[in-house]
Amino acid sequence: MNLVVPLKAFRHKFDAQLLAIQTIWLFHLTAIIGVSIGFFDFFIPKTPLNLSLAFCLLIAIFPLNSLKNIGLTILFFLAGMLVEWIGVHHDFLFGAYEYGQNLGPKIDGVPLLIGINWAVLVIITGEIASEFTIPRIGKVFLGAFLMVLLDFLMEHSAPVFDFWTFTDGLAPLRNYIAWFAIAAILHSIFQGAKMKGDARFCANLYGCQFIFFTYFYFYNGL
């Protein structure tokens, strides 16, 4: 039995995965250090580049290489854009808010990267939840909780980073309730479709975002 080809394929995948993981950590940790030592105006406007890179690496490493995975990703993107459009133009969903200038081009007030971010978060938190040996409903709730947890941390820095701003200053409770409900619906689709990919990369991408926003949640230098 010839094991050379399978071993080469495995090594190639491992090398690509490791490089992708190192890249996302490098970008996030460099941004933390850069902002902390006074280069806010250099790093924060580069957020679209960081999010775009993370999405491209997810495409390559997850990978999004089947009609099912591509179709579900498009569905999550469109769902994210739709709920954010409703949120921006109708205050009842998340509360009254508007997007700033540091998330790139917008369609009718909603940055395209927000739709991409919804898709990325559903995929990586769904994959993390899938690693647990629990009933499907538990995986749905865990994935939704991980998304809301990250959103909670992001809300603290979002106005300072000019990502988005709520009219009343703070995100209201209904923002998190709506996030959880919408995330749970999308995770139900994710788990029902049995979408599967690279759990290690997903955990690292979530981990570096969690550390980034946790740091700035407690950092008082902004």
N, C-alpha and C. Protein backbone atom coordinates (compact mmCIF):
# COMPACT_ATOMS: atom_id res chain seq x y z
N MET A 1 0.86 -1.21 0.00
CA MET A 1 0.00 0.00 0.00
C MET A 1 0.89 1.25 0.00
N ASN A 2 0.63 2.16 -0.91
CA ASN A 2 1.44 3.37 -1.04
C ASN A 2 0.88 4.47 -0.14
N LEU A 3 1.66 4.81 0.90
CA LEU A 3 1.22 5.83 1.85
C LEU A 3 1.83 7.19 1.55
N VAL A 4 2.66 7.29 0.52
CA VAL A 4 3.37 8.54 0.25
C VAL A 4 2.42 9.68 -0.08
N VAL A 5 1.46 9.42 -1.00
CA VAL A 5 0.53 10.47 -1.42
C VAL A 5 -0.35 10.92 -0.27
N PRO A 6 -1.01 10.00 0.49
CA PRO A 6 -1.82 10.45 1.63
C PRO A 6 -1.02 11.24 2.66
N LEU A 7 0.23 10.80 2.92
CA LEU A 7 1.05 11.51 3.91
C LEU A 7 1.42 12.90 3.43
N LYS A 8 1.72 13.03 2.14
CA LYS A 8 2.03 14.35 1.59
C LYS A 8 0.82 15.27 1.66
N ALA A 9 -0.35 14.72 1.35
CA ALA A 9 -1.58 15.51 1.39
C ALA A 9 -1.87 15.98 2.82
N PHE A 10 -1.65 15.07 3.79
CA PHE A 10 -1.88 15.42 5.19
C PHE A 10 -0.91 16.51 5.64
N ARG A 11 0.36 16.35 5.25
CA ARG A 11 1.36 17.35 5.64
C ARG A 11 1.06 18.70 5.02
N HIS A 12 0.62 18.70 3.76
CA HIS A 12 0.29 19.95 3.09
C HIS A 12 -0.87 20.64 3.79
N LYS A 13 -1.90 19.87 4.16
CA LYS A 13 -3.06 20.43 4.86
C LYS A 13 -2.64 20.97 6.22
N PHE A 14 -1.79 20.20 6.92
CA PHE A 14 -1.35 20.64 8.25
C PHE A 14 -0.54 21.92 8.16
N ASP A 15 0.36 21.99 7.18
CA ASP A 15 1.18 23.20 7.01
C ASP A 15 0.31 24.41 6.69
N ALA A 16 -0.69 24.25 5.81
CA ALA A 16 -1.58 25.35 5.45
C ALA A 16 -2.40 25.78 6.65
N GLN A 17 -2.89 24.80 7.41
CA GLN A 17 -3.68 25.11 8.60
C GLN A 17 -2.85 25.88 9.61
N LEU A 18 -1.63 25.41 9.86
CA LEU A 18 -0.75 26.07 10.84
C LEU A 18 -0.42 27.49 10.41
N LEU A 19 -0.13 27.67 9.12
CA LEU A 19 0.18 29.01 8.61
C LEU A 19 -1.02 29.94 8.76
N ALA A 20 -2.21 29.43 8.47
CA ALA A 20 -3.42 30.24 8.60
C ALA A 20 -3.65 30.64 10.05
N ILE A 21 -3.46 29.70 10.97
CA ILE A 21 -3.64 29.99 12.40
C ILE A 21 -2.62 31.02 12.88
N GLN A 22 -1.38 30.85 12.47
CA GLN A 22 -0.34 31.81 12.85
C GLN A 22 -0.65 33.20 12.30
N THR A 23 -1.20 33.25 11.10
CA THR A 23 -1.50 34.54 10.46
C THR A 23 -2.59 35.30 11.21
N ILE A 24 -3.67 34.62 11.57
CA ILE A 24 -4.75 35.32 12.26
C ILE A 24 -4.32 35.79 13.65
N TRP A 25 -3.51 34.99 14.33
CA TRP A 25 -3.01 35.42 15.64
C TRP A 25 -2.06 36.60 15.49
N LEU A 26 -1.21 36.56 14.47
CA LEU A 26 -0.28 37.65 14.23
C LEU A 26 -1.03 38.96 14.01
N PHE A 27 -2.06 38.93 13.18
CA PHE A 27 -2.81 40.15 12.88
C PHE A 27 -3.51 40.69 14.13
N HIS A 28 -4.14 39.82 14.90
CA HIS A 28 -4.88 40.28 16.07
C HIS A 28 -3.95 40.76 17.18
N LEU A 29 -2.88 40.03 17.45
CA LEU A 29 -1.97 40.43 18.52
C LEU A 29 -1.20 41.69 18.14
N THR A 30 -0.84 41.82 16.86
CA THR A 30 -0.17 43.04 16.41
C THR A 30 -1.08 44.25 16.58
N ALA A 31 -2.37 44.07 16.28
CA ALA A 31 -3.33 45.17 16.44
C ALA A 31 -3.47 45.56 17.91
N ILE A 32 -3.52 44.57 18.80
CA ILE A 32 -3.61 44.86 20.24
C ILE A 32 -2.41 45.68 20.68
N ILE A 33 -1.22 45.23 20.30
CA ILE A 33 0.00 45.94 20.70
C ILE A 33 0.06 47.32 20.06
N GLY A 34 -0.25 47.39 18.77
CA GLY A 34 -0.19 48.66 18.05
C GLY A 34 -1.11 49.71 18.61
N VAL A 35 -2.36 49.34 18.88
CA VAL A 35 -3.32 50.29 19.45
C VAL A 35 -2.89 50.69 20.84
N SER A 36 -2.39 49.74 21.63
CA SER A 36 -2.00 50.00 23.02
C SER A 36 -0.84 50.99 23.13
N ILE A 37 0.04 51.01 22.13
CA ILE A 37 1.19 51.92 22.20
C ILE A 37 0.98 53.20 21.39
N GLY A 38 -0.27 53.40 20.91
CA GLY A 38 -0.60 54.69 20.34
C GLY A 38 -0.84 54.76 18.85
N PHE A 39 -0.90 53.60 18.17
CA PHE A 39 -1.10 53.62 16.73
C PHE A 39 -2.55 53.27 16.35
N PHE A 40 -3.48 53.83 17.11
CA PHE A 40 -4.91 53.59 16.89
C PHE A 40 -5.31 53.92 15.46
N ASP A 41 -4.91 55.10 14.98
CA ASP A 41 -5.34 55.57 13.67
C ASP A 41 -4.73 54.77 12.52
N PHE A 42 -3.71 53.98 12.80
CA PHE A 42 -3.14 53.13 11.77
C PHE A 42 -3.86 51.78 11.73
N PHE A 43 -4.10 51.18 12.91
CA PHE A 43 -4.59 49.80 12.96
C PHE A 43 -6.10 49.67 12.80
N ILE A 44 -6.88 50.49 13.47
CA ILE A 44 -8.33 50.30 13.47
C ILE A 44 -8.95 50.49 12.09
N PRO A 45 -8.52 51.48 11.30
CA PRO A 45 -9.07 51.58 9.93
C PRO A 45 -8.72 50.39 9.04
N LYS A 46 -7.77 49.55 9.49
CA LYS A 46 -7.40 48.35 8.72
C LYS A 46 -8.32 47.16 9.05
N THR A 47 -9.36 47.39 9.85
CA THR A 47 -10.28 46.30 10.24
C THR A 47 -10.86 45.57 9.03
N PRO A 48 -11.29 46.27 7.96
CA PRO A 48 -11.80 45.53 6.79
C PRO A 48 -10.78 44.54 6.22
N LEU A 49 -9.50 44.92 6.24
CA LEU A 49 -8.46 44.02 5.75
C LEU A 49 -8.37 42.78 6.64
N ASN A 50 -8.43 42.98 7.94
CA ASN A 50 -8.34 41.87 8.89
C ASN A 50 -9.51 40.91 8.73
N LEU A 51 -10.73 41.46 8.64
CA LEU A 51 -11.92 40.62 8.49
C LEU A 51 -11.93 39.89 7.15
N SER A 52 -11.49 40.59 6.11
CA SER A 52 -11.44 39.98 4.77
C SER A 52 -10.42 38.83 4.74
N LEU A 53 -9.28 39.05 5.39
CA LEU A 53 -8.26 38.00 5.45
C LEU A 53 -8.79 36.78 6.20
N ALA A 54 -9.45 37.01 7.33
CA ALA A 54 -10.00 35.91 8.10
C ALA A 54 -11.01 35.11 7.28
N PHE A 55 -11.83 35.80 6.51
CA PHE A 55 -12.82 35.12 5.68
C PHE A 55 -12.14 34.32 4.57
N CYS A 56 -11.13 34.89 3.94
CA CYS A 56 -10.41 34.18 2.88
C CYS A 56 -9.73 32.92 3.42
N LEU A 57 -9.16 33.03 4.62
CA LEU A 57 -8.52 31.86 5.23
C LEU A 57 -9.57 30.81 5.60
N LEU A 58 -10.74 31.26 6.04
CA LEU A 58 -11.81 30.31 6.34
C LEU A 58 -12.24 29.58 5.08
N ILE A 59 -12.35 30.29 3.97
CA ILE A 59 -12.69 29.66 2.69
C ILE A 59 -11.69 28.55 2.36
N ALA A 60 -10.41 28.84 2.58
CA ALA A 60 -9.36 27.90 2.20
C ALA A 60 -9.20 26.74 3.18
N ILE A 61 -9.33 27.02 4.48
CA ILE A 61 -8.99 26.02 5.49
C ILE A 61 -10.20 25.24 5.98
N PHE A 62 -11.39 25.87 6.00
CA PHE A 62 -12.54 25.14 6.57
C PHE A 62 -12.78 23.79 5.90
N PRO A 63 -12.81 23.65 4.60
CA PRO A 63 -12.84 24.69 3.55
C PRO A 63 -14.26 24.86 3.04
N LEU A 64 -14.49 25.96 2.33
CA LEU A 64 -15.78 26.16 1.67
C LEU A 64 -15.64 25.73 0.22
N ASN A 65 -15.61 24.42 0.03
CA ASN A 65 -15.30 23.88 -1.31
C ASN A 65 -16.36 22.92 -1.84
N SER A 66 -17.55 22.95 -1.23
CA SER A 66 -18.64 22.12 -1.72
C SER A 66 -19.87 23.00 -1.93
N LEU A 67 -20.79 22.55 -2.75
CA LEU A 67 -21.99 23.33 -3.00
C LEU A 67 -22.78 23.56 -1.72
N LYS A 68 -22.78 22.56 -0.84
CA LYS A 68 -23.50 22.71 0.43
C LYS A 68 -22.87 23.79 1.29
N ASN A 69 -21.55 23.73 1.46
CA ASN A 69 -20.87 24.71 2.31
C ASN A 69 -20.95 26.11 1.72
N ILE A 70 -20.81 26.21 0.41
CA ILE A 70 -20.90 27.53 -0.24
C ILE A 70 -22.32 28.08 -0.13
N GLY A 71 -23.30 27.22 -0.38
CA GLY A 71 -24.70 27.66 -0.31
C GLY A 71 -25.09 28.11 1.08
N LEU A 72 -24.66 27.36 2.10
CA LEU A 72 -24.98 27.74 3.48
C LEU A 72 -24.29 29.04 3.86
N THR A 73 -23.06 29.22 3.42
CA THR A 73 -22.34 30.45 3.72
C THR A 73 -23.05 31.65 3.10
N ILE A 74 -23.49 31.52 1.86
CA ILE A 74 -24.25 32.59 1.21
C ILE A 74 -25.54 32.86 1.96
N LEU A 75 -26.21 31.80 2.41
CA LEU A 75 -27.45 31.95 3.18
C LEU A 75 -27.19 32.73 4.47
N PHE A 76 -26.12 32.37 5.20
CA PHE A 76 -25.80 33.06 6.45
C PHE A 76 -25.45 34.53 6.18
N PHE A 77 -24.73 34.77 5.09
CA PHE A 77 -24.38 36.15 4.72
C PHE A 77 -25.64 36.96 4.43
N LEU A 78 -26.53 36.42 3.62
CA LEU A 78 -27.75 37.14 3.26
C LEU A 78 -28.64 37.36 4.48
N ALA A 79 -28.72 36.35 5.34
CA ALA A 79 -29.51 36.49 6.57
C ALA A 79 -28.94 37.60 7.45
N GLY A 80 -27.61 37.62 7.58
CA GLY A 80 -26.97 38.67 8.37
C GLY A 80 -27.22 40.05 7.80
N MET A 81 -27.10 40.19 6.48
CA MET A 81 -27.36 41.48 5.84
C MET A 81 -28.81 41.91 6.03
N LEU A 82 -29.74 40.95 5.92
CA LEU A 82 -31.16 41.26 6.04
C LEU A 82 -31.50 41.75 7.45
N VAL A 83 -31.06 41.00 8.47
CA VAL A 83 -31.42 41.40 9.84
C VAL A 83 -30.74 42.71 10.21
N GLU A 84 -29.53 42.95 9.69
CA GLU A 84 -28.86 44.22 9.99
C GLU A 84 -29.55 45.38 9.26
N TRP A 85 -30.03 45.14 8.05
CA TRP A 85 -30.79 46.18 7.33
C TRP A 85 -32.05 46.53 8.11
N ILE A 86 -32.73 45.48 8.57
CA ILE A 86 -33.94 45.72 9.39
C ILE A 86 -33.55 46.47 10.65
N GLY A 87 -32.43 46.08 11.26
CA GLY A 87 -31.99 46.71 12.50
C GLY A 87 -31.65 48.18 12.31
N VAL A 88 -30.97 48.50 11.21
CA VAL A 88 -30.57 49.89 10.95
C VAL A 88 -31.77 50.77 10.63
N HIS A 89 -32.74 50.23 9.87
CA HIS A 89 -33.85 51.05 9.39
C HIS A 89 -35.12 50.93 10.25
N HIS A 90 -35.15 49.94 11.13
CA HIS A 90 -36.32 49.76 12.01
C HIS A 90 -35.80 49.42 13.40
N ASP A 91 -36.01 50.30 14.36
CA ASP A 91 -35.35 50.21 15.66
C ASP A 91 -35.80 49.03 16.52
N PHE A 92 -36.89 48.37 16.15
CA PHE A 92 -37.47 47.39 17.07
C PHE A 92 -36.61 46.14 17.26
N LEU A 93 -35.72 45.83 16.32
CA LEU A 93 -35.01 44.55 16.37
C LEU A 93 -33.84 44.57 17.35
N PHE A 94 -32.88 45.44 17.13
CA PHE A 94 -31.69 45.53 17.99
C PHE A 94 -31.66 46.79 18.84
N GLY A 95 -32.50 47.75 18.51
CA GLY A 95 -32.41 49.07 19.10
C GLY A 95 -31.97 50.06 18.02
N ALA A 96 -31.93 51.33 18.36
CA ALA A 96 -31.56 52.37 17.40
C ALA A 96 -30.04 52.48 17.31
N TYR A 97 -29.50 52.24 16.13
CA TYR A 97 -28.05 52.32 15.95
C TYR A 97 -27.74 52.62 14.49
N GLU A 98 -26.49 52.99 14.23
CA GLU A 98 -26.02 53.18 12.86
C GLU A 98 -24.56 52.80 12.77
N TYR A 99 -24.13 52.44 11.57
CA TYR A 99 -22.75 52.01 11.36
C TYR A 99 -21.85 53.20 11.09
N GLY A 100 -20.59 53.06 11.55
CA GLY A 100 -19.58 54.08 11.33
C GLY A 100 -18.84 53.84 10.03
N GLN A 101 -17.57 54.31 9.99
CA GLN A 101 -16.81 54.30 8.74
C GLN A 101 -15.72 53.23 8.68
N ASN A 102 -15.50 52.49 9.75
CA ASN A 102 -14.35 51.59 9.79
C ASN A 102 -14.66 50.13 9.45
N LEU A 103 -15.83 49.89 8.85
CA LEU A 103 -16.16 48.52 8.43
C LEU A 103 -16.32 48.41 6.91
N GLY A 104 -15.83 49.40 6.20
CA GLY A 104 -15.80 49.29 4.75
C GLY A 104 -17.09 49.69 4.05
N PRO A 105 -17.20 49.36 2.76
CA PRO A 105 -18.35 49.77 1.93
C PRO A 105 -19.68 49.25 2.47
N LYS A 106 -20.73 50.05 2.24
CA LYS A 106 -22.06 49.71 2.75
C LYS A 106 -23.06 49.58 1.62
N ILE A 107 -24.09 48.83 1.89
CA ILE A 107 -25.27 48.78 1.03
C ILE A 107 -26.45 49.29 1.84
N ASP A 108 -26.95 50.46 1.50
CA ASP A 108 -28.08 51.07 2.21
C ASP A 108 -27.84 51.11 3.72
N GLY A 109 -26.64 51.51 4.10
CA GLY A 109 -26.33 51.70 5.51
C GLY A 109 -25.73 50.51 6.22
N VAL A 110 -25.64 49.36 5.54
CA VAL A 110 -25.13 48.14 6.18
C VAL A 110 -23.82 47.72 5.50
N PRO A 111 -22.71 47.67 6.24
CA PRO A 111 -21.44 47.24 5.65
C PRO A 111 -21.51 45.80 5.14
N LEU A 112 -20.95 45.56 3.98
CA LEU A 112 -20.90 44.19 3.45
C LEU A 112 -20.16 43.26 4.40
N LEU A 113 -19.16 43.80 5.10
CA LEU A 113 -18.38 42.97 6.02
C LEU A 113 -19.20 42.49 7.21
N ILE A 114 -20.29 43.18 7.52
CA ILE A 114 -21.15 42.71 8.62
C ILE A 114 -21.85 41.42 8.21
N GLY A 115 -22.32 41.37 6.96
CA GLY A 115 -22.91 40.12 6.48
C GLY A 115 -21.89 39.00 6.47
N ILE A 116 -20.66 39.31 6.03
CA ILE A 116 -19.60 38.32 6.04
C ILE A 116 -19.28 37.88 7.47
N ASN A 117 -19.28 38.85 8.39
CA ASN A 117 -18.99 38.52 9.79
C ASN A 117 -20.04 37.60 10.38
N TRP A 118 -21.31 37.84 10.04
CA TRP A 118 -22.37 36.93 10.49
C TRP A 118 -22.10 35.51 9.99
N ALA A 119 -21.75 35.39 8.72
CA ALA A 119 -21.48 34.06 8.15
C ALA A 119 -20.29 33.41 8.83
N VAL A 120 -19.22 34.17 9.03
CA VAL A 120 -18.01 33.62 9.67
C VAL A 120 -18.32 33.16 11.08
N LEU A 121 -19.04 33.99 11.84
CA LEU A 121 -19.33 33.65 13.23
C LEU A 121 -20.22 32.42 13.34
N VAL A 122 -21.22 32.31 12.48
CA VAL A 122 -22.08 31.13 12.51
C VAL A 122 -21.26 29.87 12.23
N ILE A 123 -20.38 29.95 11.25
CA ILE A 123 -19.59 28.78 10.85
C ILE A 123 -18.61 28.37 11.95
N ILE A 124 -17.86 29.34 12.49
CA ILE A 124 -16.83 28.95 13.46
C ILE A 124 -17.44 28.54 14.81
N THR A 125 -18.51 29.23 15.24
CA THR A 125 -19.13 28.83 16.51
C THR A 125 -19.92 27.54 16.33
N GLY A 126 -20.50 27.34 15.14
CA GLY A 126 -21.20 26.10 14.87
C GLY A 126 -20.26 24.91 14.87
N GLU A 127 -19.08 25.09 14.29
CA GLU A 127 -18.09 24.02 14.26
C GLU A 127 -17.56 23.72 15.66
N ILE A 128 -17.34 24.77 16.45
CA ILE A 128 -16.90 24.56 17.84
C ILE A 128 -17.95 23.77 18.61
N ALA A 129 -19.21 24.18 18.48
CA ALA A 129 -20.30 23.49 19.18
C ALA A 129 -20.43 22.05 18.73
N SER A 130 -20.14 21.79 17.46
CA SER A 130 -20.27 20.44 16.92
C SER A 130 -19.26 19.47 17.53
N GLU A 131 -18.19 20.00 18.09
CA GLU A 131 -17.17 19.15 18.70
C GLU A 131 -17.61 18.57 20.04
N PHE A 132 -18.67 19.11 20.62
CA PHE A 132 -19.16 18.63 21.91
C PHE A 132 -20.16 17.48 21.71
N THR A 133 -20.05 16.48 22.55
CA THR A 133 -20.97 15.33 22.48
C THR A 133 -22.21 15.65 23.29
N ILE A 134 -23.07 16.44 22.72
CA ILE A 134 -24.32 16.86 23.35
C ILE A 134 -25.43 16.80 22.31
N PRO A 135 -26.70 16.80 22.74
CA PRO A 135 -27.80 16.78 21.76
C PRO A 135 -27.73 17.98 20.82
N ARG A 136 -28.37 17.84 19.67
CA ARG A 136 -28.33 18.89 18.66
C ARG A 136 -28.82 20.22 19.22
N ILE A 137 -29.89 20.20 20.01
CA ILE A 137 -30.41 21.46 20.55
C ILE A 137 -29.38 22.13 21.44
N GLY A 138 -28.57 21.32 22.15
CA GLY A 138 -27.50 21.87 22.97
C GLY A 138 -26.44 22.53 22.12
N LYS A 139 -26.13 21.94 20.98
CA LYS A 139 -25.15 22.53 20.07
C LYS A 139 -25.68 23.85 19.50
N VAL A 140 -26.97 23.89 19.20
CA VAL A 140 -27.58 25.12 18.69
C VAL A 140 -27.47 26.24 19.72
N PHE A 141 -27.83 25.94 20.96
CA PHE A 141 -27.79 26.95 22.01
C PHE A 141 -26.36 27.35 22.35
N LEU A 142 -25.44 26.40 22.33
CA LEU A 142 -24.04 26.72 22.61
C LEU A 142 -23.47 27.63 21.54
N GLY A 143 -23.73 27.31 20.27
CA GLY A 143 -23.25 28.15 19.18
C GLY A 143 -23.81 29.56 19.28
N ALA A 144 -25.11 29.67 19.56
CA ALA A 144 -25.74 30.99 19.69
C ALA A 144 -25.16 31.75 20.87
N PHE A 145 -24.92 31.05 21.98
CA PHE A 145 -24.34 31.70 23.16
C PHE A 145 -22.95 32.24 22.86
N LEU A 146 -22.13 31.47 22.15
CA LEU A 146 -20.78 31.93 21.80
C LEU A 146 -20.83 33.19 20.94
N MET A 147 -21.81 33.27 20.04
CA MET A 147 -21.95 34.46 19.21
C MET A 147 -22.37 35.67 20.04
N VAL A 148 -23.32 35.48 20.94
CA VAL A 148 -23.79 36.59 21.78
C VAL A 148 -22.69 37.04 22.73
N LEU A 149 -21.92 36.10 23.25
CA LEU A 149 -20.81 36.44 24.15
C LEU A 149 -19.81 37.36 23.43
N LEU A 150 -19.47 37.02 22.20
CA LEU A 150 -18.53 37.84 21.45
C LEU A 150 -19.14 39.21 21.14
N ASP A 151 -20.43 39.23 20.80
CA ASP A 151 -21.09 40.50 20.53
C ASP A 151 -21.09 41.38 21.78
N PHE A 152 -21.32 40.79 22.94
CA PHE A 152 -21.30 41.54 24.20
C PHE A 152 -19.96 42.24 24.40
N LEU A 153 -18.88 41.52 24.12
CA LEU A 153 -17.54 42.10 24.27
C LEU A 153 -17.29 43.18 23.21
N MET A 154 -17.77 42.95 22.01
CA MET A 154 -17.57 43.90 20.92
C MET A 154 -18.30 45.22 21.16
N GLU A 155 -19.46 45.15 21.80
CA GLU A 155 -20.27 46.36 21.98
C GLU A 155 -19.52 47.44 22.76
N HIS A 156 -18.61 47.04 23.63
CA HIS A 156 -17.88 48.00 24.46
C HIS A 156 -16.96 48.86 23.59
N SER A 157 -16.30 48.24 22.61
CA SER A 157 -15.31 48.93 21.79
C SER A 157 -15.88 49.50 20.50
N ALA A 158 -17.03 48.99 20.06
CA ALA A 158 -17.57 49.35 18.75
C ALA A 158 -17.69 50.86 18.52
N PRO A 159 -18.23 51.63 19.47
CA PRO A 159 -18.33 53.09 19.21
C PRO A 159 -16.97 53.75 19.11
N VAL A 160 -16.02 53.33 19.95
CA VAL A 160 -14.68 53.92 19.95
C VAL A 160 -13.96 53.60 18.65
N PHE A 161 -14.16 52.38 18.16
CA PHE A 161 -13.53 51.96 16.91
C PHE A 161 -14.28 52.47 15.68
N ASP A 162 -15.37 53.17 15.89
CA ASP A 162 -16.24 53.67 14.81
C ASP A 162 -16.76 52.52 13.95
N PHE A 163 -17.15 51.43 14.63
CA PHE A 163 -17.80 50.32 13.95
C PHE A 163 -19.30 50.60 13.84
N TRP A 164 -19.93 50.81 15.00
CA TRP A 164 -21.34 51.21 15.05
C TRP A 164 -21.59 51.90 16.39
N THR A 165 -22.70 52.65 16.44
CA THR A 165 -23.04 53.41 17.64
C THR A 165 -24.54 53.33 17.89
N PHE A 166 -24.92 53.01 19.12
CA PHE A 166 -26.33 53.03 19.51
C PHE A 166 -26.70 54.44 19.94
N THR A 167 -27.89 54.85 19.57
CA THR A 167 -28.36 56.20 19.86
C THR A 167 -28.32 56.51 21.35
N ASP A 168 -28.68 55.53 22.17
CA ASP A 168 -28.71 55.74 23.62
C ASP A 168 -27.37 55.43 24.29
N GLY A 169 -26.35 55.17 23.49
CA GLY A 169 -25.03 54.94 24.05
C GLY A 169 -24.69 53.48 24.23
N LEU A 170 -25.53 52.74 24.95
CA LEU A 170 -25.30 51.32 25.22
C LEU A 170 -26.28 50.46 24.45
N ALA A 171 -25.84 49.27 24.08
CA ALA A 171 -26.75 48.32 23.43
C ALA A 171 -27.81 47.87 24.43
N PRO A 172 -29.08 47.93 24.06
CA PRO A 172 -30.14 47.51 24.98
C PRO A 172 -30.21 46.00 25.10
N LEU A 173 -30.94 45.53 26.09
CA LEU A 173 -31.08 44.10 26.33
C LEU A 173 -31.67 43.39 25.11
N ARG A 174 -32.58 44.04 24.41
CA ARG A 174 -33.21 43.40 23.25
C ARG A 174 -32.20 43.12 22.15
N ASN A 175 -31.10 43.86 22.10
CA ASN A 175 -30.05 43.58 21.13
C ASN A 175 -29.52 42.16 21.31
N TYR A 176 -29.26 41.79 22.56
CA TYR A 176 -28.71 40.46 22.84
C TYR A 176 -29.76 39.37 22.69
N ILE A 177 -31.01 39.70 23.04
CA ILE A 177 -32.09 38.73 22.86
C ILE A 177 -32.28 38.44 21.37
N ALA A 178 -32.29 39.50 20.56
CA ALA A 178 -32.45 39.33 19.11
C ALA A 178 -31.27 38.58 18.52
N TRP A 179 -30.06 38.93 18.97
CA TRP A 179 -28.86 38.23 18.49
C TRP A 179 -28.97 36.73 18.78
N PHE A 180 -29.37 36.39 20.01
CA PHE A 180 -29.45 34.98 20.38
C PHE A 180 -30.51 34.26 19.56
N ALA A 181 -31.67 34.88 19.40
CA ALA A 181 -32.77 34.24 18.66
C ALA A 181 -32.38 34.01 17.20
N ILE A 182 -31.81 35.03 16.56
CA ILE A 182 -31.41 34.90 15.16
C ILE A 182 -30.28 33.90 15.01
N ALA A 183 -29.29 33.98 15.92
CA ALA A 183 -28.17 33.04 15.88
C ALA A 183 -28.65 31.61 16.06
N ALA A 184 -29.63 31.40 16.95
CA ALA A 184 -30.15 30.05 17.19
C ALA A 184 -30.81 29.49 15.93
N ILE A 185 -31.54 30.33 15.20
CA ILE A 185 -32.17 29.90 13.94
C ILE A 185 -31.10 29.47 12.94
N LEU A 186 -30.06 30.30 12.81
CA LEU A 186 -28.99 29.98 11.85
C LEU A 186 -28.21 28.74 12.28
N HIS A 187 -28.02 28.58 13.57
CA HIS A 187 -27.33 27.38 14.07
C HIS A 187 -28.18 26.13 13.90
N SER A 188 -29.48 26.29 13.96
CA SER A 188 -30.36 25.14 13.69
C SER A 188 -30.16 24.66 12.26
N ILE A 189 -30.01 25.64 11.34
CA ILE A 189 -29.75 25.28 9.94
C ILE A 189 -28.38 24.63 9.81
N PHE A 190 -27.38 25.21 10.47
CA PHE A 190 -26.01 24.68 10.43
C PHE A 190 -25.97 23.24 10.92
N GLN A 191 -26.57 22.99 12.07
CA GLN A 191 -26.54 21.64 12.64
C GLN A 191 -27.41 20.68 11.85
N GLY A 192 -28.54 21.16 11.35
CA GLY A 192 -29.41 20.30 10.56
C GLY A 192 -28.77 19.87 9.26
N ALA A 193 -27.96 20.77 8.67
CA ALA A 193 -27.28 20.46 7.42
C ALA A 193 -26.01 19.66 7.63
N LYS A 194 -25.61 19.52 8.92
CA LYS A 194 -24.38 18.79 9.28
C LYS A 194 -23.17 19.35 8.56
N MET A 195 -23.10 20.67 8.56
CA MET A 195 -21.94 21.36 7.97
C MET A 195 -20.71 21.01 8.80
N LYS A 196 -19.63 20.64 8.15
CA LYS A 196 -18.46 20.16 8.87
C LYS A 196 -17.19 20.72 8.25
N GLY A 197 -16.24 21.10 9.11
CA GLY A 197 -14.99 21.64 8.61
C GLY A 197 -13.88 21.54 9.63
N ASP A 198 -12.88 22.39 9.49
CA ASP A 198 -11.68 22.34 10.32
C ASP A 198 -11.94 22.99 11.68
N ALA A 199 -12.11 22.16 12.70
CA ALA A 199 -12.46 22.65 14.03
C ALA A 199 -11.31 23.42 14.67
N ARG A 200 -10.07 23.00 14.40
CA ARG A 200 -8.93 23.66 15.02
C ARG A 200 -8.81 25.10 14.54
N PHE A 201 -8.94 25.31 13.24
CA PHE A 201 -8.87 26.68 12.72
C PHE A 201 -10.02 27.51 13.27
N CYS A 202 -11.22 26.95 13.30
CA CYS A 202 -12.39 27.69 13.81
C CYS A 202 -12.19 28.10 15.26
N ALA A 203 -11.67 27.19 16.08
CA ALA A 203 -11.45 27.50 17.49
C ALA A 203 -10.41 28.61 17.65
N ASN A 204 -9.38 28.59 16.83
CA ASN A 204 -8.36 29.63 16.91
C ASN A 204 -8.88 30.98 16.42
N LEU A 205 -9.68 30.98 15.37
CA LEU A 205 -10.23 32.24 14.87
C LEU A 205 -11.17 32.85 15.90
N TYR A 206 -11.99 32.02 16.53
CA TYR A 206 -12.86 32.53 17.60
C TYR A 206 -12.02 32.99 18.78
N GLY A 207 -11.00 32.21 19.12
CA GLY A 207 -10.16 32.53 20.28
C GLY A 207 -9.44 33.85 20.13
N CYS A 208 -8.89 34.13 18.95
CA CYS A 208 -8.15 35.38 18.81
C CYS A 208 -9.09 36.58 18.80
N GLN A 209 -10.30 36.41 18.27
CA GLN A 209 -11.28 37.50 18.33
C GLN A 209 -11.76 37.71 19.76
N PHE A 210 -11.96 36.61 20.48
CA PHE A 210 -12.39 36.70 21.88
C PHE A 210 -11.34 37.43 22.71
N ILE A 211 -10.08 37.09 22.54
CA ILE A 211 -9.01 37.75 23.30
C ILE A 211 -8.89 39.21 22.90
N PHE A 212 -8.99 39.50 21.61
CA PHE A 212 -8.90 40.87 21.13
C PHE A 212 -9.95 41.76 21.79
N PHE A 213 -11.20 41.34 21.73
CA PHE A 213 -12.27 42.19 22.27
C PHE A 213 -12.35 42.14 23.79
N THR A 214 -11.92 41.05 24.40
CA THR A 214 -11.84 41.01 25.87
C THR A 214 -10.79 42.00 26.36
N TYR A 215 -9.65 42.03 25.67
CA TYR A 215 -8.60 42.97 26.04
C TYR A 215 -9.11 44.40 26.01
N PHE A 216 -9.78 44.77 24.92
CA PHE A 216 -10.24 46.15 24.80
C PHE A 216 -11.49 46.41 25.63
N TYR A 217 -12.14 45.37 26.08
CA TYR A 217 -13.25 45.56 27.02
C TYR A 217 -12.74 46.12 28.35
N PHE A 218 -11.55 45.64 28.75
CA PHE A 218 -10.99 46.06 30.04
C PHE A 218 -9.91 47.15 29.89
N TYR A 219 -9.43 47.36 28.66
CA TYR A 219 -8.37 48.35 28.45
C TYR A 219 -8.93 49.76 28.57
N ASN A 220 -8.24 50.60 29.33
CA ASN A 220 -8.74 51.94 29.62
C ASN A 220 -8.02 53.03 28.84
N GLY A 221 -7.21 52.65 27.86
CA GLY A 221 -6.42 53.63 27.15
C GLY A 221 -7.06 54.22 25.92
N LEU A 222 -8.29 53.78 25.59
CA LEU A 222 -8.95 54.28 24.38
C LEU A 222 -9.60 55.64 24.64
